[in-house]
Amino acid sequence: MMRASFLVPALLRFPGASARQDAWGRLLKITAGGAELSTGARLTRGETVLLRFELGGERLTIPASVRHSRPDDDGQCLAELRWNDLVERRRLARVLLDVLSRV
């Protein structure tokens, strides 16, 4: 499994039933299957969020489900996410492979 540790800024959008104001967060860990996110927004398990971020010069927009969330020591929400879109997961895997090959 490809995994990268970065601090990547990400815009969070909340579609559908959980529609609310956009928020910002930082992707702490990114894999082809999901990510770990720190944000000031309160996230709940099962909620869907749309993340927009840039990695390796590529702009990505990927829907994700919140698998787990908890407050961290700084009062931020630390969430484990699972990517929902198979096509975007494959694209992200290619971007990760490219980024990691340059490190």
C-alpha atoms as a PDB file:
ATOM      1  CA  MET A   1       0.000   0.000   0.000  1.00  0.00           C
ATOM      2  CA  MET A   2       1.371   3.419  -0.957  1.00  0.00           C
ATOM      3  CA  ARG A   3       1.355   5.866   1.923  1.00  0.00           C
ATOM      4  CA  ALA A   4       2.756   9.349   2.273  1.00  0.00           C
ATOM      5  CA  SER A   5       3.054  11.664   5.271  1.00  0.00           C
ATOM      6  CA  PHE A   6       2.611  15.314   4.359  1.00  0.00           C
ATOM      7  CA  LEU A   7       0.803  18.369   5.665  1.00  0.00           C
ATOM      8  CA  VAL A   8      -1.427  19.083   2.692  1.00  0.00           C
ATOM      9  CA  PRO A   9      -4.075  21.833   3.010  1.00  0.00           C
ATOM     10  CA  ALA A  10      -7.536  20.643   1.975  1.00  0.00           C
ATOM     11  CA  LEU A  11     -10.867  22.369   1.443  1.00  0.00           C
ATOM     12  CA  LEU A  12     -13.808  20.421   2.901  1.00  0.00           C
ATOM     13  CA  ARG A  13     -17.249  20.735   1.339  1.00  0.00           C
ATOM     14  CA  PHE A  14     -20.326  19.140   2.854  1.00  0.00           C
ATOM     15  CA  PRO A  15     -22.796  17.854   0.235  1.00  0.00           C
ATOM     16  CA  GLY A  16     -26.351  16.661   0.625  1.00  0.00           C
ATOM     17  CA  ALA A  17     -28.029  16.291   3.994  1.00  0.00           C
ATOM     18  CA  SER A  18     -25.014  17.546   5.935  1.00  0.00           C
ATOM     19  CA  ALA A  19     -24.716  20.716   3.810  1.00  0.00           C
ATOM     20  CA  ARG A  20     -22.984  23.425   5.840  1.00  0.00           C
ATOM     21  CA  GLN A  21     -20.249  26.019   5.520  1.00  0.00           C
ATOM     22  CA  ASP A  22     -17.012  24.920   3.844  1.00  0.00           C
ATOM     23  CA  ALA A  23     -14.044  24.347   6.141  1.00  0.00           C
ATOM     24  CA  TRP A  24     -10.288  23.925   5.886  1.00  0.00           C
ATOM     25  CA  GLY A  25      -8.155  21.119   7.180  1.00  0.00           C
ATOM     26  CA  ARG A  26      -4.763  19.481   6.771  1.00  0.00           C
ATOM     27  CA  LEU A  27      -4.243  16.010   5.369  1.00  0.00           C
ATOM     28  CA  LEU A  28      -1.701  14.423   7.702  1.00  0.00           C
ATOM     29  CA  LYS A  29      -1.442  11.043   5.981  1.00  0.00           C
ATOM     30  CA  ILE A  30      -2.584  10.067   2.505  1.00  0.00           C
ATOM     31  CA  THR A  31      -3.015   6.603   1.029  1.00  0.00           C
ATOM     32  CA  ALA A  32      -4.657   5.391  -2.155  1.00  0.00           C
ATOM     33  CA  GLY A  33      -7.540   4.191   0.050  1.00  0.00           C
ATOM     34  CA  GLY A  34      -8.032   7.125   2.396  1.00  0.00           C
ATOM     35  CA  ALA A  35      -6.437   9.752   4.584  1.00  0.00           C
ATOM     36  CA  GLU A  36      -6.012  11.155   8.060  1.00  0.00           C
ATOM     37  CA  LEU A  37      -7.306  14.713   8.401  1.00  0.00           C
ATOM     38  CA  SER A  38      -7.010  17.425  11.059  1.00  0.00           C
ATOM     39  CA  THR A  39      -9.670  20.149  10.930  1.00  0.00           C
ATOM     40  CA  GLY A  40     -11.524  22.641  13.082  1.00  0.00           C
ATOM     41  CA  ALA A  41     -14.820  21.336  11.648  1.00  0.00           C
ATOM     42  CA  ARG A  42     -16.687  18.763  13.666  1.00  0.00           C
ATOM     43  CA  LEU A  43     -16.978  15.529  11.663  1.00  0.00           C
ATOM     44  CA  THR A  44     -19.133  12.540  12.527  1.00  0.00           C
ATOM     45  CA  ARG A  45     -18.744   8.886  11.628  1.00  0.00           C
ATOM     46  CA  GLY A  46     -20.513   7.992   8.382  1.00  0.00           C
ATOM     47  CA  GLU A  47     -20.651  11.589   7.164  1.00  0.00           C
ATOM     48  CA  THR A  48     -19.620  12.277   3.562  1.00  0.00           C
ATOM     49  CA  VAL A  49     -17.242  15.130   2.770  1.00  0.00           C
ATOM     50  CA  LEU A  50     -15.786  16.340  -0.502  1.00  0.00           C
ATOM     51  CA  LEU A  51     -12.071  17.138  -0.251  1.00  0.00           C
ATOM     52  CA  ARG A  52     -10.211  19.408  -2.643  1.00  0.00           C
ATOM     53  CA  PHE A  53      -6.435  19.509  -2.445  1.00  0.00           C
ATOM     54  CA  GLU A  54      -3.300  19.707  -4.539  1.00  0.00           C
ATOM     55  CA  LEU A  55      -0.593  17.072  -4.534  1.00  0.00           C
ATOM     56  CA  GLY A  56       2.375  16.812  -6.875  1.00  0.00           C
ATOM     57  CA  GLY A  57       1.021  19.627  -9.039  1.00  0.00           C
ATOM     58  CA  GLU A  58      -2.309  17.804  -9.505  1.00  0.00           C
ATOM     59  CA  ARG A  59      -5.599  19.250  -8.250  1.00  0.00           C
ATOM     60  CA  LEU A  60      -7.787  16.521  -6.817  1.00  0.00           C
ATOM     61  CA  THR A  61     -11.427  16.508  -5.695  1.00  0.00           C
ATOM     62  CA  ILE A  62     -12.381  13.300  -3.933  1.00  0.00           C
ATOM     63  CA  PRO A  63     -15.508  12.365  -1.967  1.00  0.00           C
ATOM     64  CA  ALA A  64     -14.771  10.545   1.280  1.00  0.00           C
ATOM     65  CA  SER A  65     -16.602   8.936   4.178  1.00  0.00           C
ATOM     66  CA  VAL A  66     -15.622   9.625   7.764  1.00  0.00           C
ATOM     67  CA  ARG A  67     -14.644   6.255   9.263  1.00  0.00           C
ATOM     68  CA  HIS A  68     -13.648   7.578  12.681  1.00  0.00           C
ATOM     69  CA  SER A  69     -13.196  10.977  14.328  1.00  0.00           C
ATOM     70  CA  ARG A  70     -12.042  12.252  17.694  1.00  0.00           C
ATOM     71  CA  PRO A  71     -10.804  15.497  19.222  1.00  0.00           C
ATOM     72  CA  ASP A  72      -7.024  15.847  19.420  1.00  0.00           C
ATOM     73  CA  ASP A  73      -4.983  17.561  22.144  1.00  0.00           C
ATOM     74  CA  ASP A  74      -5.277  20.941  20.374  1.00  0.00           C
ATOM     75  CA  GLY A  75      -9.082  20.858  20.147  1.00  0.00           C
ATOM     76  CA  GLN A  76      -9.064  19.980  16.446  1.00  0.00           C
ATOM     77  CA  CYS A  77     -11.001  17.073  14.971  1.00  0.00           C
ATOM     78  CA  LEU A  78      -8.756  14.213  13.878  1.00  0.00           C
ATOM     79  CA  ALA A  79     -10.572  12.046  11.333  1.00  0.00           C
ATOM     80  CA  GLU A  80      -9.850   8.873   9.421  1.00  0.00           C
ATOM     81  CA  LEU A  81     -11.328   9.043   5.911  1.00  0.00           C
ATOM     82  CA  ARG A  82     -12.045   6.456   3.206  1.00  0.00           C
ATOM     83  CA  TRP A  83     -12.130   7.622  -0.419  1.00  0.00           C
ATOM     84  CA  ASN A  84     -15.488   6.831  -2.084  1.00  0.00           C
ATOM     85  CA  ASP A  85     -14.735   7.314  -5.792  1.00  0.00           C
ATOM     86  CA  LEU A  86     -12.837   4.456  -7.458  1.00  0.00           C
ATOM     87  CA  VAL A  87     -11.719   6.514 -10.466  1.00  0.00           C
ATOM     88  CA  GLU A  88     -10.309   9.274  -8.248  1.00  0.00           C
ATOM     89  CA  ARG A  89      -8.682   6.671  -5.959  1.00  0.00           C
ATOM     90  CA  ARG A  90      -6.797   5.291  -8.954  1.00  0.00           C
ATOM     91  CA  ARG A  91      -5.782   8.774 -10.047  1.00  0.00           C
ATOM     92  CA  LEU A  92      -4.569   9.552  -6.512  1.00  0.00           C
ATOM     93  CA  ALA A  93      -2.561   6.299  -6.465  1.00  0.00           C
ATOM     94  CA  ARG A  94      -0.763   7.411  -9.639  1.00  0.00           C
ATOM     95  CA  VAL A  95      -0.073  10.871  -8.178  1.00  0.00           C
ATOM     96  CA  LEU A  96       1.236   9.340  -4.936  1.00  0.00           C
ATOM     97  CA  LEU A  97       3.516   6.993  -6.858  1.00  0.00           C
ATOM     98  CA  ASP A  98       4.877   9.930  -8.843  1.00  0.00           C
ATOM     99  CA  VAL A  99       5.397  12.104  -5.721  1.00  0.00           C
ATOM    100  CA  LEU A 100       7.060   9.303  -3.766  1.00  0.00           C
ATOM    101  CA  SER A 101       9.369   8.422  -6.658  1.00  0.00           C
ATOM    102  CA  ARG A 102      10.755  11.983  -6.530  1.00  0.00           C
ATOM    103  CA  VAL A 103      11.526  11.911  -2.792  1.00  0.00           C
END
